[in-house]
Each structure stands twice: as structure tokens, then as C-alpha cells.
N, C-alpha and C. Protein backbone atom coordinates (compact mmCIF):
# COMPACT_ATOMS: atom_id res chain seq x y z
N MET A 1 132.19 -105.58 38.41
CA MET A 1 133.55 -105.13 38.66
C MET A 1 134.28 -106.21 39.46
N MET A 2 135.40 -106.66 38.96
CA MET A 2 136.14 -107.73 39.62
C MET A 2 137.23 -107.16 40.51
N ASN A 3 137.33 -107.71 41.70
CA ASN A 3 138.38 -107.34 42.62
C ASN A 3 139.66 -108.04 42.18
N ASN A 4 140.78 -107.34 42.15
CA ASN A 4 142.03 -107.92 41.69
C ASN A 4 142.88 -108.45 42.83
N SER A 5 142.26 -108.86 43.93
CA SER A 5 142.99 -109.38 45.06
C SER A 5 143.60 -110.73 44.71
N GLN A 6 144.91 -110.86 44.81
CA GLN A 6 145.59 -112.10 44.49
C GLN A 6 146.08 -112.81 45.74
N ARG A 7 145.43 -112.59 46.84
CA ARG A 7 145.80 -113.22 48.10
C ARG A 7 145.23 -114.63 48.16
N PHE A 8 146.03 -115.57 48.66
CA PHE A 8 145.55 -116.93 48.86
C PHE A 8 144.77 -117.02 50.16
N LEU A 9 143.68 -117.78 50.13
CA LEU A 9 142.93 -118.10 51.35
C LEU A 9 143.01 -119.60 51.57
N ARG A 10 143.27 -119.99 52.79
CA ARG A 10 143.27 -121.41 53.15
C ARG A 10 141.83 -121.80 53.50
N LEU A 11 141.58 -123.10 53.65
CA LEU A 11 140.23 -123.60 53.86
C LEU A 11 139.55 -122.93 55.05
N HIS A 12 140.23 -122.79 56.17
CA HIS A 12 139.58 -122.18 57.34
C HIS A 12 139.13 -120.76 57.05
N GLN A 13 139.88 -120.03 56.20
CA GLN A 13 139.50 -118.67 55.85
C GLN A 13 138.30 -118.66 54.89
N VAL A 14 138.26 -119.63 53.97
CA VAL A 14 137.13 -119.74 53.05
C VAL A 14 135.87 -120.10 53.84
N LYS A 15 136.00 -121.01 54.79
CA LYS A 15 134.86 -121.39 55.64
C LYS A 15 134.36 -120.17 56.41
N GLU A 16 135.27 -119.39 56.94
CA GLU A 16 134.89 -118.20 57.70
C GLU A 16 134.20 -117.17 56.81
N LYS A 17 134.73 -116.94 55.62
CA LYS A 17 134.16 -115.95 54.69
C LYS A 17 132.78 -116.36 54.18
N THR A 18 132.59 -117.65 53.92
CA THR A 18 131.34 -118.10 53.31
C THR A 18 130.32 -118.59 54.33
N GLY A 19 130.78 -119.07 55.47
CA GLY A 19 129.87 -119.64 56.46
C GLY A 19 129.54 -121.10 56.20
N PHE A 20 130.23 -121.71 55.22
CA PHE A 20 129.96 -123.11 54.89
C PHE A 20 131.07 -124.02 55.40
N LYS A 21 130.71 -125.28 55.59
CA LYS A 21 131.67 -126.27 56.08
C LYS A 21 132.44 -126.89 54.92
N LYS A 22 133.52 -127.58 55.27
CA LYS A 22 134.41 -128.21 54.30
C LYS A 22 133.67 -129.12 53.33
N SER A 23 132.81 -129.98 53.85
CA SER A 23 132.12 -130.95 52.98
C SER A 23 131.25 -130.25 51.95
N TRP A 24 130.57 -129.16 52.34
CA TRP A 24 129.72 -128.43 51.39
C TRP A 24 130.57 -127.75 50.33
N ILE A 25 131.68 -127.14 50.75
CA ILE A 25 132.57 -126.45 49.81
C ILE A 25 133.08 -127.42 48.76
N TYR A 26 133.57 -128.59 49.19
CA TYR A 26 134.10 -129.56 48.24
C TYR A 26 133.01 -130.16 47.36
N GLN A 27 131.83 -130.35 47.91
CA GLN A 27 130.71 -130.85 47.10
C GLN A 27 130.37 -129.85 46.00
N GLN A 28 130.30 -128.57 46.34
CA GLN A 28 129.99 -127.55 45.36
C GLN A 28 131.10 -127.39 44.33
N MET A 29 132.35 -127.61 44.74
CA MET A 29 133.46 -127.59 43.78
C MET A 29 133.29 -128.72 42.76
N ARG A 30 132.92 -129.91 43.24
CA ARG A 30 132.71 -131.05 42.32
C ARG A 30 131.59 -130.76 41.34
N LEU A 31 130.57 -130.02 41.79
CA LEU A 31 129.44 -129.66 40.93
C LEU A 31 129.73 -128.42 40.07
N LYS A 32 130.95 -127.88 40.19
CA LYS A 32 131.36 -126.68 39.44
C LYS A 32 130.52 -125.45 39.81
N LYS A 33 130.07 -125.42 41.08
CA LYS A 33 129.25 -124.30 41.55
C LYS A 33 129.99 -123.44 42.58
N PHE A 34 131.28 -123.72 42.77
CA PHE A 34 132.11 -122.99 43.72
C PHE A 34 133.50 -122.91 43.12
N PRO A 35 134.22 -121.81 43.38
CA PRO A 35 135.56 -121.67 42.81
C PRO A 35 136.47 -122.85 43.15
N ALA A 36 137.24 -123.27 42.18
CA ALA A 36 138.17 -124.38 42.37
C ALA A 36 139.36 -123.95 43.22
N ALA A 37 139.85 -124.89 44.01
CA ALA A 37 141.05 -124.65 44.80
C ALA A 37 142.27 -124.76 43.89
N ILE A 38 143.33 -124.09 44.29
CA ILE A 38 144.60 -124.12 43.57
C ILE A 38 145.61 -124.87 44.42
N ARG A 39 146.28 -125.84 43.83
CA ARG A 39 147.31 -126.58 44.57
C ARG A 39 148.52 -125.67 44.76
N ILE A 40 148.94 -125.48 46.01
CA ILE A 40 150.08 -124.61 46.31
C ILE A 40 151.24 -125.38 46.91
N GLY A 41 151.15 -126.66 46.89
CA GLY A 41 152.21 -127.52 47.40
C GLY A 41 151.77 -128.95 47.22
N SER A 42 152.59 -129.88 47.65
CA SER A 42 152.23 -131.29 47.45
C SER A 42 151.01 -131.69 48.26
N THR A 43 150.77 -131.02 49.38
CA THR A 43 149.62 -131.39 50.21
C THR A 43 148.73 -130.21 50.60
N HIS A 44 148.97 -129.06 50.00
CA HIS A 44 148.21 -127.86 50.37
C HIS A 44 147.46 -127.29 49.18
N VAL A 45 146.26 -126.78 49.47
CA VAL A 45 145.47 -126.07 48.47
C VAL A 45 145.02 -124.75 49.06
N ALA A 46 144.66 -123.83 48.17
CA ALA A 46 144.16 -122.53 48.60
C ALA A 46 143.25 -122.00 47.50
N TRP A 47 142.53 -120.96 47.82
CA TRP A 47 141.64 -120.30 46.87
C TRP A 47 142.10 -118.86 46.71
N LEU A 48 141.89 -118.29 45.54
CA LEU A 48 142.17 -116.87 45.38
C LEU A 48 141.07 -116.08 46.06
N GLU A 49 141.45 -115.12 46.86
CA GLU A 49 140.47 -114.30 47.57
C GLU A 49 139.51 -113.64 46.59
N SER A 50 140.02 -113.18 45.46
CA SER A 50 139.17 -112.52 44.46
C SER A 50 138.10 -113.47 43.93
N ASP A 51 138.44 -114.76 43.75
CA ASP A 51 137.45 -115.74 43.29
C ASP A 51 136.34 -115.94 44.32
N ILE A 52 136.72 -116.01 45.59
CA ILE A 52 135.73 -116.21 46.65
C ILE A 52 134.84 -114.97 46.79
N GLU A 53 135.45 -113.80 46.74
CA GLU A 53 134.67 -112.57 46.84
C GLU A 53 133.70 -112.43 45.67
N GLU A 54 134.14 -112.78 44.47
CA GLU A 54 133.26 -112.71 43.30
C GLU A 54 132.11 -113.71 43.43
N TRP A 55 132.40 -114.90 43.92
CA TRP A 55 131.36 -115.92 44.12
C TRP A 55 130.31 -115.40 45.12
N ILE A 56 130.77 -114.79 46.20
CA ILE A 56 129.85 -114.25 47.21
C ILE A 56 128.97 -113.18 46.58
N LYS A 57 129.55 -112.28 45.80
CA LYS A 57 128.78 -111.22 45.14
C LYS A 57 127.73 -111.81 44.21
N GLN A 58 128.09 -112.86 43.49
CA GLN A 58 127.14 -113.52 42.59
C GLN A 58 125.99 -114.14 43.37
N GLN A 59 126.30 -114.75 44.52
CA GLN A 59 125.25 -115.36 45.32
C GLN A 59 124.28 -114.31 45.82
N VAL A 60 124.82 -113.17 46.23
CA VAL A 60 123.96 -112.08 46.73
C VAL A 60 123.09 -111.54 45.60
N SER A 61 123.69 -111.33 44.43
CA SER A 61 122.90 -110.77 43.32
C SER A 61 121.88 -111.76 42.79
N ASN A 62 122.13 -113.06 42.94
CA ASN A 62 121.18 -114.09 42.50
C ASN A 62 120.10 -114.36 43.54
N SER A 63 120.29 -113.82 44.72
CA SER A 63 119.36 -114.07 45.81
C SER A 63 118.00 -113.47 45.51
N SER A 64 116.96 -114.17 45.94
CA SER A 64 115.61 -113.65 45.75
C SER A 64 115.17 -112.79 46.93
N LEU A 65 116.03 -112.68 47.95
CA LEU A 65 115.69 -111.84 49.10
C LEU A 65 115.79 -110.37 48.73
N PRO A 66 114.84 -109.57 49.16
CA PRO A 66 114.95 -108.13 48.95
C PRO A 66 116.16 -107.60 49.73
N GLU A 67 116.67 -106.45 49.34
CA GLU A 67 117.87 -105.86 49.96
C GLU A 67 117.73 -105.73 51.47
N LYS A 68 116.57 -105.29 51.97
CA LYS A 68 116.38 -105.13 53.41
C LYS A 68 116.50 -106.47 54.13
N SER A 69 115.96 -107.53 53.54
CA SER A 69 116.03 -108.85 54.16
C SER A 69 117.46 -109.35 54.21
N ARG A 70 118.24 -109.12 53.16
CA ARG A 70 119.65 -109.54 53.14
C ARG A 70 120.40 -108.82 54.25
N ALA A 71 120.13 -107.53 54.44
CA ALA A 71 120.80 -106.77 55.49
C ALA A 71 120.44 -107.32 56.86
N ALA A 72 119.19 -107.69 57.06
CA ALA A 72 118.76 -108.24 58.34
C ALA A 72 119.44 -109.57 58.61
N VAL A 73 119.57 -110.42 57.59
CA VAL A 73 120.25 -111.71 57.76
C VAL A 73 121.70 -111.47 58.12
N HIS A 74 122.37 -110.53 57.44
CA HIS A 74 123.76 -110.21 57.72
C HIS A 74 123.92 -109.72 59.15
N ASP A 75 123.03 -108.81 59.59
CA ASP A 75 123.10 -108.29 60.95
C ASP A 75 122.90 -109.39 61.97
N ARG A 76 122.01 -110.34 61.70
CA ARG A 76 121.77 -111.45 62.62
C ARG A 76 123.01 -112.33 62.72
N LYS A 77 123.67 -112.58 61.60
CA LYS A 77 124.90 -113.38 61.63
C LYS A 77 125.97 -112.71 62.46
N LYS A 78 126.12 -111.37 62.31
CA LYS A 78 127.09 -110.65 63.11
C LYS A 78 126.73 -110.74 64.59
N TYR A 79 125.45 -110.62 64.89
CA TYR A 79 124.99 -110.71 66.28
C TYR A 79 125.29 -112.09 66.87
N MET A 80 124.98 -113.13 66.10
CA MET A 80 125.18 -114.50 66.57
C MET A 80 126.68 -114.80 66.78
N LYS A 81 127.53 -114.24 65.94
CA LYS A 81 128.97 -114.42 66.10
C LYS A 81 129.47 -113.77 67.37
N ALA A 82 128.84 -112.65 67.73
CA ALA A 82 129.31 -111.87 68.88
C ALA A 82 128.97 -112.53 70.21
N ILE A 83 127.92 -113.36 70.22
CA ILE A 83 127.54 -113.96 71.51
C ILE A 83 128.13 -115.33 71.72
């Protein structure tokens, strides 16, 4: 099921949503393994939120971690962000 969110995300928001740095995001874009950015001005780019959310869902479904392990990793990330 695809989310129809048409909101633009800037790089800092994509980094926050995915947990990856700029260099990794652009490397994966070059390898066609990450959603492409959309030019929204002469010097600005953004990503569609729905593309990023779909990519995240695909990564989770492709993961070899059992569901309980994924939940534990997510909880640890939330904990680490809080401290």
C-alpha cells in the first residue's frame, strides 16, 4: 500500500527520517538504491515524503531481522536520541 503523501522533505529531514548522512544518501542515489531527489529550484532539491516512506518500508520488509529484533533496534534508537 503506497502512502499518497506529496510533501517535500529537505535533506536534513531525510537524514533525520533515515538515520543516514548526506554522503551515504547521495552514494545510494547514484547506485539507484535510494529515491532520487527532485530539483525544486536552481539550487535546491527535495524528496517526496511518500518515496522516502516507501523506501523505509521496503528496507524493513527486506530485513533479515525477526520482528522482535527490529522492534528492539527501534526502541534503542529512540532511547539513544533521548539521552
